[in-house]
C-alpha atoms as a PDB file:
ATOM      1  CA  MET A   1     128.327  39.264 221.065  1.00  0.00           C
ATOM      2  CA  SER A   2     128.064  43.039 221.495  1.00  0.00           C
ATOM      3  CA  GLY A   3     125.042  42.939 223.773  1.00  0.00           C
ATOM      4  CA  SER A   4     126.006  39.961 225.886  1.00  0.00           C
ATOM      5  CA  GLY A   5     124.414  40.230 229.326  1.00  0.00           C
ATOM      6  CA  LYS A   6     122.945  43.696 228.733  1.00  0.00           C
ATOM      7  CA  VAL A   7     119.252  44.247 229.369  1.00  0.00           C
ATOM      8  CA  VAL A   8     117.161  46.341 226.974  1.00  0.00           C
ATOM      9  CA  CYS A   9     113.458  47.003 226.464  1.00  0.00           C
ATOM     10  CA  VAL A  10     111.433  47.058 223.242  1.00  0.00           C
ATOM     11  CA  THR A  11     107.926  48.538 223.397  1.00  0.00           C
ATOM     12  CA  GLY A  12     105.294  47.392 220.941  1.00  0.00           C
ATOM     13  CA  ALA A  13     107.448  44.329 220.346  1.00  0.00           C
ATOM     14  CA  SER A  14     104.904  42.476 218.210  1.00  0.00           C
ATOM     15  CA  GLY A  15     105.010  45.118 215.474  1.00  0.00           C
ATOM     16  CA  TYR A  16     106.725  45.001 212.100  1.00  0.00           C
ATOM     17  CA  ILE A  17     109.900  46.937 212.887  1.00  0.00           C
ATOM     18  CA  ALA A  18     109.953  45.861 216.530  1.00  0.00           C
ATOM     19  CA  SER A  19     109.849  42.155 215.717  1.00  0.00           C
ATOM     20  CA  TRP A  20     113.006  42.482 213.635  1.00  0.00           C
ATOM     21  CA  LEU A  21     114.528  44.635 216.344  1.00  0.00           C
ATOM     22  CA  VAL A  22     113.897  41.904 218.922  1.00  0.00           C
ATOM     23  CA  LYS A  23     115.333  39.291 216.550  1.00  0.00           C
ATOM     24  CA  PHE A  24     118.559  41.248 215.988  1.00  0.00           C
ATOM     25  CA  LEU A  25     118.937  42.126 219.669  1.00  0.00           C
ATOM     26  CA  LEU A  26     118.665  38.479 220.627  1.00  0.00           C
ATOM     27  CA  GLN A  27     121.214  37.596 217.958  1.00  0.00           C
ATOM     28  CA  ARG A  28     123.602  40.097 219.522  1.00  0.00           C
ATOM     29  CA  GLY A  29     123.236  38.528 222.961  1.00  0.00           C
ATOM     30  CA  TYR A  30     120.943  41.058 224.660  1.00  0.00           C
ATOM     31  CA  ILE A  31     118.375  40.161 227.282  1.00  0.00           C
ATOM     32  CA  VAL A  32     115.185  41.662 225.846  1.00  0.00           C
ATOM     33  CA  ARG A  33     112.232  42.828 227.923  1.00  0.00           C
ATOM     34  CA  ALA A  34     109.453  43.166 225.350  1.00  0.00           C
ATOM     35  CA  SER A  35     106.100  44.824 225.897  1.00  0.00           C
ATOM     36  CA  VAL A  36     102.927  43.913 224.003  1.00  0.00           C
ATOM     37  CA  ARG A  37      99.321  44.903 224.490  1.00  0.00           C
ATOM     38  CA  ASP A  38      98.196  41.384 225.347  1.00  0.00           C
ATOM     39  CA  THR A  39     100.614  38.641 226.348  1.00  0.00           C
ATOM     40  CA  ALA A  40      97.802  36.074 226.018  1.00  0.00           C
ATOM     41  CA  ASP A  41      97.285  36.829 222.320  1.00  0.00           C
ATOM     42  CA  PRO A  42      99.308  34.329 220.246  1.00  0.00           C
ATOM     43  CA  LYS A  43      99.322  36.720 217.282  1.00  0.00           C
ATOM     44  CA  LYS A  44     101.314  39.119 219.454  1.00  0.00           C
ATOM     45  CA  THR A  45     103.713  36.631 220.980  1.00  0.00           C
ATOM     46  CA  GLU A  46     104.166  33.323 219.118  1.00  0.00           C
ATOM     47  CA  HIS A  47     106.492  34.700 216.451  1.00  0.00           C
ATOM     48  CA  LEU A  48     108.597  36.359 219.161  1.00  0.00           C
ATOM     49  CA  ARG A  49     108.815  33.232 221.303  1.00  0.00           C
ATOM     50  CA  ALA A  50     109.989  31.315 218.202  1.00  0.00           C
ATOM     51  CA  LEU A  51     113.062  33.525 217.682  1.00  0.00           C
ATOM     52  CA  ASP A  52     116.524  32.096 218.339  1.00  0.00           C
ATOM     53  CA  GLY A  53     117.524  32.921 221.894  1.00  0.00           C
ATOM     54  CA  ALA A  54     113.992  33.817 222.958  1.00  0.00           C
ATOM     55  CA  GLU A  55     113.592  30.934 225.375  1.00  0.00           C
ATOM     56  CA  GLU A  56     116.638  32.046 227.351  1.00  0.00           C
ATOM     57  CA  ARG A  57     116.659  35.823 226.942  1.00  0.00           C
ATOM     58  CA  LEU A  58     113.212  37.135 225.966  1.00  0.00           C
ATOM     59  CA  GLN A  59     110.851  38.369 228.689  1.00  0.00           C
ATOM     60  CA  LEU A  60     107.332  39.423 227.707  1.00  0.00           C
ATOM     61  CA  PHE A  61     105.362  42.130 229.529  1.00  0.00           C
ATOM     62  CA  GLN A  62     101.885  43.535 229.077  1.00  0.00           C
ATOM     63  CA  ALA A  63     101.703  47.328 228.998  1.00  0.00           C
ATOM     64  CA  ASP A  64      99.241  50.032 228.007  1.00  0.00           C
ATOM     65  CA  LEU A  65     100.483  53.120 226.171  1.00  0.00           C
ATOM     66  CA  LEU A  66      97.770  55.300 227.688  1.00  0.00           C
ATOM     67  CA  LYS A  67      98.289  54.199 231.285  1.00  0.00           C
ATOM     68  CA  GLU A  68     100.760  56.245 233.314  1.00  0.00           C
ATOM     69  CA  GLY A  69     103.360  54.075 234.975  1.00  0.00           C
ATOM     70  CA  SER A  70     102.484  51.072 232.818  1.00  0.00           C
ATOM     71  CA  PHE A  71     106.087  50.814 231.631  1.00  0.00           C
ATOM     72  CA  ASP A  72     107.787  51.283 235.011  1.00  0.00           C
ATOM     73  CA  ASP A  73     108.253  47.557 235.585  1.00  0.00           C
ATOM     74  CA  VAL A  74     109.215  46.930 231.958  1.00  0.00           C
ATOM     75  CA  VAL A  75     112.128  49.388 231.863  1.00  0.00           C
ATOM     76  CA  GLU A  76     113.333  48.725 235.402  1.00  0.00           C
ATOM     77  CA  GLY A  77     116.899  47.436 235.185  1.00  0.00           C
ATOM     78  CA  CYS A  78     117.249  48.160 231.464  1.00  0.00           C
ATOM     79  CA  GLU A  79     120.241  50.021 230.050  1.00  0.00           C
ATOM     80  CA  GLY A  80     118.544  50.829 226.768  1.00  0.00           C
ATOM     81  CA  VAL A  81     114.926  51.353 225.737  1.00  0.00           C
ATOM     82  CA  PHE A  82     113.618  51.124 222.174  1.00  0.00           C
ATOM     83  CA  HIS A  83     110.211  52.768 221.939  1.00  0.00           C
ATOM     84  CA  THR A  84     108.542  51.552 218.755  1.00  0.00           C
ATOM     85  CA  ALA A  85     104.940  51.276 219.960  1.00  0.00           C
ATOM     86  CA  SER A  86     102.691  53.651 218.031  1.00  0.00           C
ATOM     87  CA  PRO A  87      99.476  52.836 216.188  1.00  0.00           C
ATOM     88  CA  VAL A  88      99.137  52.798 212.409  1.00  0.00           C
ATOM     89  CA  HIS A  89      95.529  52.475 211.283  1.00  0.00           C
ATOM     90  CA  PHE A  90      94.172  52.221 207.751  1.00  0.00           C
ATOM     91  CA  VAL A  91      90.847  53.906 208.452  1.00  0.00           C
ATOM     92  CA  VAL A  92      90.746  56.637 211.071  1.00  0.00           C
ATOM     93  CA  HIS A  93      87.340  56.982 212.704  1.00  0.00           C
ATOM     94  CA  ASP A  94      88.531  59.079 215.642  1.00  0.00           C
ATOM     95  CA  PRO A  95      91.982  60.545 214.877  1.00  0.00           C
ATOM     96  CA  GLN A  96      92.534  61.818 218.404  1.00  0.00           C
ATOM     97  CA  ALA A  97      91.738  58.512 220.092  1.00  0.00           C
ATOM     98  CA  ASP A  98      92.988  56.162 217.374  1.00  0.00           C
ATOM     99  CA  LEU A  99      96.305  57.801 216.530  1.00  0.00           C
ATOM    100  CA  ILE A 100      97.253  61.015 218.265  1.00  0.00           C
ATOM    101  CA  ASP A 101      96.687  60.122 221.927  1.00  0.00           C
ATOM    102  CA  PRO A 102      98.461  56.738 221.755  1.00  0.00           C
ATOM    103  CA  ALA A 103     101.363  58.282 219.820  1.00  0.00           C
ATOM    104  CA  VAL A 104     101.870  61.371 221.969  1.00  0.00           C
ATOM    105  CA  LYS A 105     100.713  60.250 225.414  1.00  0.00           C
ATOM    106  CA  GLY A 106     102.208  56.814 224.878  1.00  0.00           C
ATOM    107  CA  THR A 107     105.610  58.266 224.051  1.00  0.00           C
ATOM    108  CA  LEU A 108     105.504  60.555 227.079  1.00  0.00           C
ATOM    109  CA  ASN A 109     104.454  57.698 229.356  1.00  0.00           C
ATOM    110  CA  VAL A 110     107.367  55.560 228.180  1.00  0.00           C
ATOM    111  CA  LEU A 111     109.827  58.438 228.545  1.00  0.00           C
ATOM    112  CA  ALA A 112     108.475  59.212 232.016  1.00  0.00           C
ATOM    113  CA  SER A 113     109.169  55.619 233.070  1.00  0.00           C
ATOM    114  CA  CYS A 114     112.681  55.917 231.646  1.00  0.00           C
ATOM    115  CA  ALA A 115     113.308  59.194 233.461  1.00  0.00           C
ATOM    116  CA  LYS A 116     112.447  57.505 236.756  1.00  0.00           C
ATOM    117  CA  THR A 117     114.814  54.595 236.135  1.00  0.00           C
ATOM    118  CA  SER A 118     118.480  55.274 236.824  1.00  0.00           C
ATOM    119  CA  SER A 119     119.617  52.212 234.886  1.00  0.00           C
ATOM    120  CA  VAL A 120     118.422  53.606 231.527  1.00  0.00           C
ATOM    121  CA  LYS A 121     121.332  55.156 229.642  1.00  0.00           C
ATOM    122  CA  ARG A 122     119.719  55.844 226.262  1.00  0.00           C
ATOM    123  CA  VAL A 123     116.276  55.770 224.663  1.00  0.00           C
ATOM    124  CA  VAL A 124     115.822  55.231 220.919  1.00  0.00           C
ATOM    125  CA  ILE A 125     112.397  56.120 219.557  1.00  0.00           C
ATOM    126  CA  THR A 126     110.852  55.153 216.246  1.00  0.00           C
ATOM    127  CA  SER A 127     109.669  58.298 214.536  1.00  0.00           C
ATOM    128  CA  SER A 128     108.991  58.744 210.825  1.00  0.00           C
ATOM    129  CA  MET A 129     109.917  60.776 207.769  1.00  0.00           C
ATOM    130  CA  SER A 130     106.391  62.111 208.187  1.00  0.00           C
ATOM    131  CA  ALA A 131     107.824  64.129 211.065  1.00  0.00           C
ATOM    132  CA  VAL A 132     110.559  65.484 208.774  1.00  0.00           C
ATOM    133  CA  THR A 133     109.307  66.409 205.323  1.00  0.00           C
ATOM    134  CA  GLN A 134     106.142  68.477 205.794  1.00  0.00           C
ATOM    135  CA  ASN A 135     107.439  71.960 206.605  1.00  0.00           C
ATOM    136  CA  GLY A 136     106.164  73.989 203.671  1.00  0.00           C
ATOM    137  CA  LYS A 137     109.440  73.886 201.746  1.00  0.00           C
ATOM    138  CA  PRO A 138     109.226  72.742 198.129  1.00  0.00           C
ATOM    139  CA  LYS A 139     110.472  69.218 197.454  1.00  0.00           C
ATOM    140  CA  THR A 140     111.894  68.662 193.982  1.00  0.00           C
ATOM    141  CA  LEU A 141     114.644  66.541 192.471  1.00  0.00           C
ATOM    142  CA  ASN A 142     117.296  69.100 193.452  1.00  0.00           C
ATOM    143  CA  VAL A 143     116.124  69.314 197.064  1.00  0.00           C
ATOM    144  CA  VAL A 144     117.921  67.209 199.679  1.00  0.00           C
ATOM    145  CA  VAL A 145     115.927  66.595 202.844  1.00  0.00           C
ATOM    146  CA  ASP A 146     117.974  65.964 205.986  1.00  0.00           C
ATOM    147  CA  GLU A 147     117.666  65.736 209.757  1.00  0.00           C
ATOM    148  CA  THR A 148     117.423  69.513 210.163  1.00  0.00           C
ATOM    149  CA  TRP A 149     113.970  69.443 208.584  1.00  0.00           C
ATOM    150  CA  PHE A 150     111.038  69.276 211.006  1.00  0.00           C
ATOM    151  CA  SER A 151     107.426  68.865 209.919  1.00  0.00           C
ATOM    152  CA  ILE A 152     105.035  71.560 211.075  1.00  0.00           C
ATOM    153  CA  ALA A 153     101.912  70.220 212.758  1.00  0.00           C
ATOM    154  CA  GLU A 154      99.752  73.076 211.463  1.00  0.00           C
ATOM    155  CA  ILE A 155     100.473  72.046 207.877  1.00  0.00           C
ATOM    156  CA  TYR A 156      98.945  68.646 208.585  1.00  0.00           C
ATOM    157  CA  LYS A 157      96.015  70.187 210.433  1.00  0.00           C
ATOM    158  CA  GLN A 158      95.220  72.646 207.663  1.00  0.00           C
ATOM    159  CA  SER A 159      95.839  70.390 204.670  1.00  0.00           C
ATOM    160  CA  LYS A 160      92.910  69.578 202.421  1.00  0.00           C
ATOM    161  CA  LEU A 161      92.804  65.873 201.802  1.00  0.00           C
ATOM    162  CA  LYS A 162      92.956  64.566 198.271  1.00  0.00           C
ATOM    163  CA  ARG A 163      91.269  61.246 197.780  1.00  0.00           C
ATOM    164  CA  PRO A 164      92.503  59.381 194.702  1.00  0.00           C
ATOM    165  CA  ASN A 165      89.482  58.297 192.693  1.00  0.00           C
ATOM    166  CA  GLY A 166      89.111  54.567 192.433  1.00  0.00           C
ATOM    167  CA  TYR A 167      92.238  53.761 194.416  1.00  0.00           C
ATOM    168  CA  CYS A 168      91.046  51.121 196.825  1.00  0.00           C
ATOM    169  CA  LEU A 169      92.086  47.750 198.103  1.00  0.00           C
ATOM    170  CA  PRO A 170      91.071  44.747 196.006  1.00  0.00           C
ATOM    171  CA  PHE A 171      88.348  42.615 197.556  1.00  0.00           C
ATOM    172  CA  PHE A 172      90.606  39.784 198.593  1.00  0.00           C
ATOM    173  CA  ILE A 173      93.024  42.118 200.396  1.00  0.00           C
ATOM    174  CA  CYS A 174      90.027  43.705 202.087  1.00  0.00           C
ATOM    175  CA  ASN A 175      89.101  40.313 203.464  1.00  0.00           C
ATOM    176  CA  VAL A 176      92.613  39.847 204.846  1.00  0.00           C
ATOM    177  CA  VAL A 177      92.661  43.110 206.751  1.00  0.00           C
ATOM    178  CA  SER A 178      88.898  43.476 207.269  1.00  0.00           C
ATOM    179  CA  LEU A 179      88.652  46.818 205.503  1.00  0.00           C
ATOM    180  CA  LYS A 180      86.502  48.142 202.714  1.00  0.00           C
ATOM    181  CA  TYR A 181      88.990  50.688 201.397  1.00  0.00           C
ATOM    182  CA  VAL A 182      92.012  52.746 202.243  1.00  0.00           C
ATOM    183  CA  LEU A 183      92.475  56.432 201.627  1.00  0.00           C
ATOM    184  CA  TYR A 184      96.231  56.578 201.414  1.00  0.00           C
ATOM    185  CA  GLU A 185      96.771  60.304 201.565  1.00  0.00           C
ATOM    186  CA  GLU A 186      94.327  60.604 204.455  1.00  0.00           C
ATOM    187  CA  LEU A 187      96.430  58.160 206.417  1.00  0.00           C
ATOM    188  CA  TYR A 188      99.953  59.191 205.528  1.00  0.00           C
ATOM    189  CA  LYS A 189      99.648  62.873 204.732  1.00  0.00           C
ATOM    190  CA  MET A 190      97.276  63.816 207.503  1.00  0.00           C
ATOM    191  CA  TRP A 191      96.478  61.877 210.641  1.00  0.00           C
ATOM    192  CA  TYR A 192      99.415  59.485 210.779  1.00  0.00           C
ATOM    193  CA  GLY A 193     101.856  62.251 209.875  1.00  0.00           C
ATOM    194  CA  LEU A 194     100.321  64.556 212.445  1.00  0.00           C
ATOM    195  CA  SER A 195     100.536  61.907 215.162  1.00  0.00           C
ATOM    196  CA  LYS A 196     104.221  61.216 214.459  1.00  0.00           C
ATOM    197  CA  THR A 197     105.061  64.919 214.274  1.00  0.00           C
ATOM    198  CA  LEU A 198     103.357  65.721 217.566  1.00  0.00           C
ATOM    199  CA  ALA A 199     104.859  62.667 219.250  1.00  0.00           C
ATOM    200  CA  GLU A 200     108.401  63.530 218.216  1.00  0.00           C
ATOM    201  CA  GLU A 201     107.961  67.171 219.219  1.00  0.00           C
ATOM    202  CA  ALA A 202     106.745  66.085 222.650  1.00  0.00           C
ATOM    203  CA  ALA A 203     109.573  63.553 222.973  1.00  0.00           C
ATOM    204  CA  TRP A 204     112.334  66.070 222.280  1.00  0.00           C
ATOM    205  CA  LYS A 205     110.867  68.558 224.739  1.00  0.00           C
ATOM    206  CA  PHE A 206     110.534  65.914 227.457  1.00  0.00           C
ATOM    207  CA  SER A 207     114.007  64.515 226.882  1.00  0.00           C
ATOM    208  CA  LYS A 208     115.523  67.991 227.126  1.00  0.00           C
ATOM    209  CA  ASP A 209     113.548  68.958 230.225  1.00  0.00           C
ATOM    210  CA  ASN A 210     114.314  65.678 231.996  1.00  0.00           C
ATOM    211  CA  ALA A 211     117.892  65.026 230.820  1.00  0.00           C
ATOM    212  CA  VAL A 212     116.991  61.830 228.958  1.00  0.00           C
ATOM    213  CA  ASP A 213     119.569  60.747 226.369  1.00  0.00           C
ATOM    214  CA  MET A 214     117.282  60.194 223.380  1.00  0.00           C
ATOM    215  CA  VAL A 215     117.874  59.407 219.710  1.00  0.00           C
ATOM    216  CA  SER A 216     115.180  59.155 217.037  1.00  0.00           C
ATOM    217  CA  ILE A 217     115.090  57.002 213.916  1.00  0.00           C
ATOM    218  CA  ASN A 218     113.035  58.470 211.070  1.00  0.00           C
ATOM    219  CA  PRO A 219     112.344  55.847 208.412  1.00  0.00           C
ATOM    220  CA  SER A 220     110.267  56.251 205.286  1.00  0.00           C
ATOM    221  CA  MET A 221     107.790  53.596 204.107  1.00  0.00           C
ATOM    222  CA  VAL A 222     109.086  50.334 205.525  1.00  0.00           C
ATOM    223  CA  ILE A 223     108.877  47.094 203.534  1.00  0.00           C
ATOM    224  CA  GLY A 224     110.654  43.742 203.423  1.00  0.00           C
ATOM    225  CA  PRO A 225     110.058  40.322 204.998  1.00  0.00           C
ATOM    226  CA  LEU A 226     107.520  39.947 207.781  1.00  0.00           C
ATOM    227  CA  LEU A 227     108.084  38.170 211.071  1.00  0.00           C
ATOM    228  CA  GLN A 228     104.665  38.943 212.538  1.00  0.00           C
ATOM    229  CA  PRO A 229     101.610  36.987 211.275  1.00  0.00           C
ATOM    230  CA  THR A 230      99.624  40.039 210.171  1.00  0.00           C
ATOM    231  CA  LEU A 231      99.893  42.514 207.329  1.00  0.00           C
ATOM    232  CA  ASN A 232     100.959  46.096 207.973  1.00  0.00           C
ATOM    233  CA  SER A 233     100.115  49.227 206.025  1.00  0.00           C
ATOM    234  CA  SER A 234     103.263  49.651 203.929  1.00  0.00           C
ATOM    235  CA  VAL A 235     103.276  45.988 202.874  1.00  0.00           C
ATOM    236  CA  VAL A 236      99.616  46.240 201.858  1.00  0.00           C
ATOM    237  CA  ASP A 237     100.618  49.242 199.776  1.00  0.00           C
ATOM    238  CA  ILE A 238     102.883  46.985 197.715  1.00  0.00           C
ATOM    239  CA  LEU A 239     100.351  44.167 197.455  1.00  0.00           C
ATOM    240  CA  ASN A 240      97.687  46.563 196.279  1.00  0.00           C
ATOM    241  CA  LEU A 241      99.700  47.206 193.133  1.00  0.00           C
ATOM    242  CA  ILE A 242      99.715  43.541 192.097  1.00  0.00           C
ATOM    243  CA  ASN A 243      96.167  42.541 192.932  1.00  0.00           C
ATOM    244  CA  GLY A 244      93.879  44.217 190.491  1.00  0.00           C
ATOM    245  CA  SER A 245      93.993  47.925 191.225  1.00  0.00           C
ATOM    246  CA  SER A 246      93.214  49.818 188.023  1.00  0.00           C
ATOM    247  CA  THR A 247      95.206  52.913 188.989  1.00  0.00           C
ATOM    248  CA  PHE A 248      98.131  53.970 191.141  1.00  0.00           C
ATOM    249  CA  PRO A 249      98.063  57.041 193.392  1.00  0.00           C
ATOM    250  CA  ASN A 250      99.777  60.285 192.518  1.00  0.00           C
ATOM    251  CA  ILE A 251     102.075  60.154 195.530  1.00  0.00           C
ATOM    252  CA  THR A 252     105.824  60.188 196.095  1.00  0.00           C
ATOM    253  CA  PHE A 253     107.275  58.297 199.052  1.00  0.00           C
ATOM    254  CA  GLY A 254     110.624  57.152 200.353  1.00  0.00           C
ATOM    255  CA  TRP A 255     111.150  53.414 200.896  1.00  0.00           C
ATOM    256  CA  VAL A 256     113.472  51.340 203.073  1.00  0.00           C
ATOM    257  CA  ASN A 257     113.925  47.723 204.202  1.00  0.00           C
ATOM    258  CA  VAL A 258     112.679  46.787 207.668  1.00  0.00           C
ATOM    259  CA  GLN A 259     115.961  45.030 208.470  1.00  0.00           C
ATOM    260  CA  ASP A 260     117.930  48.221 207.841  1.00  0.00           C
ATOM    261  CA  VAL A 261     115.536  50.187 210.029  1.00  0.00           C
ATOM    262  CA  ALA A 262     115.871  47.690 212.885  1.00  0.00           C
ATOM    263  CA  MET A 263     119.665  47.746 212.642  1.00  0.00           C
ATOM    264  CA  ALA A 264     119.670  51.557 212.616  1.00  0.00           C
ATOM    265  CA  HIS A 265     117.870  51.475 215.967  1.00  0.00           C
ATOM    266  CA  ILE A 266     120.465  49.151 217.457  1.00  0.00           C
ATOM    267  CA  LEU A 267     123.422  51.164 216.180  1.00  0.00           C
ATOM    268  CA  ALA A 268     121.819  54.376 217.443  1.00  0.00           C
ATOM    269  CA  TYR A 269     121.914  52.753 220.870  1.00  0.00           C
ATOM    270  CA  GLU A 270     125.337  51.132 220.624  1.00  0.00           C
ATOM    271  CA  VAL A 271     127.340  53.943 218.999  1.00  0.00           C
ATOM    272  CA  PRO A 272     128.341  56.295 221.847  1.00  0.00           C
ATOM    273  CA  SER A 273     128.451  59.382 219.628  1.00  0.00           C
ATOM    274  CA  ALA A 274     124.948  58.879 218.240  1.00  0.00           C
ATOM    275  CA  THR A 275     122.776  61.910 218.839  1.00  0.00           C
ATOM    276  CA  GLY A 276     119.647  63.605 217.527  1.00  0.00           C
ATOM    277  CA  ARG A 277     117.742  62.248 214.547  1.00  0.00           C
ATOM    278  CA  TYR A 278     118.595  59.839 211.730  1.00  0.00           C
ATOM    279  CA  CYS A 279     116.733  59.716 208.431  1.00  0.00           C
ATOM    280  CA  VAL A 280     116.745  56.164 207.063  1.00  0.00           C
ATOM    281  CA  VAL A 281     115.627  56.074 203.415  1.00  0.00           C
ATOM    282  CA  GLU A 282     116.969  53.901 200.619  1.00  0.00           C
ATOM    283  CA  ARG A 283     115.201  55.686 197.773  1.00  0.00           C
ATOM    284  CA  VAL A 284     112.405  58.155 197.050  1.00  0.00           C
ATOM    285  CA  LEU A 285     110.078  57.197 194.207  1.00  0.00           C
ATOM    286  CA  HIS A 286     106.812  58.196 192.637  1.00  0.00           C
ATOM    287  CA  TYR A 287     104.316  55.349 192.552  1.00  0.00           C
ATOM    288  CA  SER A 288     104.647  55.160 188.774  1.00  0.00           C
ATOM    289  CA  GLU A 289     108.309  54.148 189.204  1.00  0.00           C
ATOM    290  CA  LEU A 290     107.376  51.684 191.927  1.00  0.00           C
ATOM    291  CA  VAL A 291     104.952  49.995 189.530  1.00  0.00           C
ATOM    292  CA  LYS A 292     107.695  49.727 186.897  1.00  0.00           C
ATOM    293  CA  ILE A 293     110.071  48.014 189.317  1.00  0.00           C
ATOM    294  CA  ILE A 294     107.442  45.517 190.437  1.00  0.00           C
ATOM    295  CA  HIS A 295     106.509  44.835 186.803  1.00  0.00           C
ATOM    296  CA  GLU A 296     110.142  44.057 185.993  1.00  0.00           C
ATOM    297  CA  LEU A 297     110.325  41.652 188.938  1.00  0.00           C
ATOM    298  CA  TYR A 298     106.927  40.025 188.336  1.00  0.00           C
ATOM    299  CA  PRO A 299     105.943  40.554 184.686  1.00  0.00           C
ATOM    300  CA  ALA A 300     103.065  38.051 184.847  1.00  0.00           C
ATOM    301  CA  PHE A 301     101.090  40.066 187.391  1.00  0.00           C
ATOM    302  CA  GLN A 302      98.390  42.525 186.421  1.00  0.00           C
ATOM    303  CA  PHE A 303      99.444  46.102 187.084  1.00  0.00           C
ATOM    304  CA  PRO A 304      97.694  49.486 187.158  1.00  0.00           C
ATOM    305  CA  GLU A 305      98.554  51.361 183.988  1.00  0.00           C
ATOM    306  CA  LYS A 306      97.374  54.863 184.796  1.00  0.00           C
ATOM    307  CA  CYS A 307      97.483  57.381 187.599  1.00  0.00           C
ATOM    308  CA  ALA A 308      94.413  57.931 189.746  1.00  0.00           C
ATOM    309  CA  ASP A 309      94.246  61.586 188.695  1.00  0.00           C
ATOM    310  CA  GLY A 310      95.246  63.675 185.714  1.00  0.00           C
ATOM    311  CA  ASN A 311      97.464  66.072 187.633  1.00  0.00           C
ATOM    312  CA  PRO A 312     101.217  66.382 187.109  1.00  0.00           C
ATOM    313  CA  PHE A 313     103.115  63.761 189.058  1.00  0.00           C
ATOM    314  CA  VAL A 314     104.150  64.762 192.572  1.00  0.00           C
ATOM    315  CA  PRO A 315     107.901  65.433 192.216  1.00  0.00           C
ATOM    316  CA  VAL A 316     110.616  63.185 193.566  1.00  0.00           C
ATOM    317  CA  TYR A 317     113.148  64.587 196.037  1.00  0.00           C
ATOM    318  CA  GLN A 318     116.279  63.288 197.765  1.00  0.00           C
ATOM    319  CA  VAL A 319     117.005  62.338 201.368  1.00  0.00           C
ATOM    320  CA  SER A 320     120.525  62.685 202.741  1.00  0.00           C
ATOM    321  CA  LYS A 321     122.278  59.522 203.918  1.00  0.00           C
ATOM    322  CA  ASP A 322     125.269  61.366 205.386  1.00  0.00           C
ATOM    323  CA  LYS A 323     124.271  61.271 209.033  1.00  0.00           C
ATOM    324  CA  MET A 324     122.985  57.708 208.803  1.00  0.00           C
ATOM    325  CA  LYS A 325     126.445  56.643 207.602  1.00  0.00           C
ATOM    326  CA  THR A 326     127.994  57.903 210.834  1.00  0.00           C
ATOM    327  CA  LEU A 327     126.242  54.985 212.545  1.00  0.00           C
ATOM    328  CA  GLY A 328     128.192  52.630 210.307  1.00  0.00           C
ATOM    329  CA  ILE A 329     125.364  51.999 207.831  1.00  0.00           C
ATOM    330  CA  VAL A 330     127.065  52.561 204.493  1.00  0.00           C
ATOM    331  CA  ASN A 331     124.815  50.594 202.145  1.00  0.00           C
ATOM    332  CA  LEU A 332     121.095  50.032 202.479  1.00  0.00           C
ATOM    333  CA  ILE A 333     119.310  47.026 201.004  1.00  0.00           C
ATOM    334  CA  PRO A 334     118.286  47.958 197.425  1.00  0.00           C
ATOM    335  CA  LEU A 335     114.614  48.711 196.904  1.00  0.00           C
ATOM    336  CA  GLU A 336     114.324  45.978 194.293  1.00  0.00           C
ATOM    337  CA  THR A 337     115.433  43.405 196.865  1.00  0.00           C
ATOM    338  CA  SER A 338     113.054  44.823 199.461  1.00  0.00           C
ATOM    339  CA  ILE A 339     110.086  44.594 197.112  1.00  0.00           C
ATOM    340  CA  LYS A 340     110.847  40.991 196.214  1.00  0.00           C
ATOM    341  CA  GLU A 341     111.343  40.073 199.881  1.00  0.00           C
ATOM    342  CA  THR A 342     107.996  41.672 200.708  1.00  0.00           C
ATOM    343  CA  ILE A 343     106.020  39.786 198.092  1.00  0.00           C
ATOM    344  CA  GLU A 344     107.746  36.449 198.663  1.00  0.00           C
ATOM    345  CA  SER A 345     107.337  36.753 202.426  1.00  0.00           C
ATOM    346  CA  CYS A 346     103.601  37.344 202.060  1.00  0.00           C
ATOM    347  CA  ARG A 347     103.327  34.397 199.718  1.00  0.00           C
ATOM    348  CA  LYS A 348     105.282  32.115 202.063  1.00  0.00           C
ATOM    349  CA  ASN A 349     103.166  33.097 205.072  1.00  0.00           C
ATOM    350  CA  GLY A 350      99.894  32.609 203.248  1.00  0.00           C
ATOM    351  CA  LEU A 351      98.919  36.246 203.653  1.00  0.00           C
ATOM    352  CA  VAL A 352      98.130  36.493 199.955  1.00  0.00           C
ATOM    353  CA  ASN A 353      97.108  34.023 197.286  1.00  0.00           C
ATOM    354  CA  PHE A 354      98.455  34.666 193.809  1.00  0.00           C
END
């Protein structure tokens, strides 16, 4: 096994991507030091303790993103650190406190702990395509976005939010996640995107100033099977389309399977030549095309038939896979497979009832 005997850390280990990352690391023989917000919360830990190899090689730690030095003990003795911990909230009441501070200060606190620890050879952070695509350049079918693109924070700050009329979570989904509604563009095009952009900017500056070998993984919307017992935002996005919504939003997003994203993190750590950023996107689609794919897979479900507004559809663009392939990832899991895995996983885990 490639990681046999090596010690690595995963922050925010109970999360969607991180849970798969822990699973794959254990499969490869690593000793994993995993941080969660509350080690006494079974929703944060039970699914991790149940993983193959966890009893022998998984160590759980409690750490606070906003507390300086909180990760010192977690990363001590680790060769690699995977920083995935960053909040994703559906409704943002206080953007600074709910998203931006934990993303930016949390990233800097983790990196500061790494900089103090001589054993750490490389840090891999989970960023987002939100930190890539919003730079004012037009995005059309002929445009290929790549790792040289950097989102501009001021674009997020100055953007006027569009709220798709009538696009809200069905009642039963609301009960699952305890929300009344979700404003998708407010989350993804504004506060979440701003938090990821600022966090990555701060991370690159810190890593340069403190000689930290850092690599970032920039995935698009992440879907696929769940290991954790709770729903996450991108999975809810899929479920919303099959549970009574009358319209779909006029938005274009990239999509990728969570297992591919987790493996990209590991390869970014293991491949000696890995450097800089890696966009990880299987396909970019408008929501109208996403609805068509789901309808083909599940024709009996009720689907939204019209867009939430009468504007021209937001254009589709391309994302380069060239740099990602240098990690050894040649083929990503097809979107159709990812969608089916998402829905079937939710059904199996009792997260939805249809």
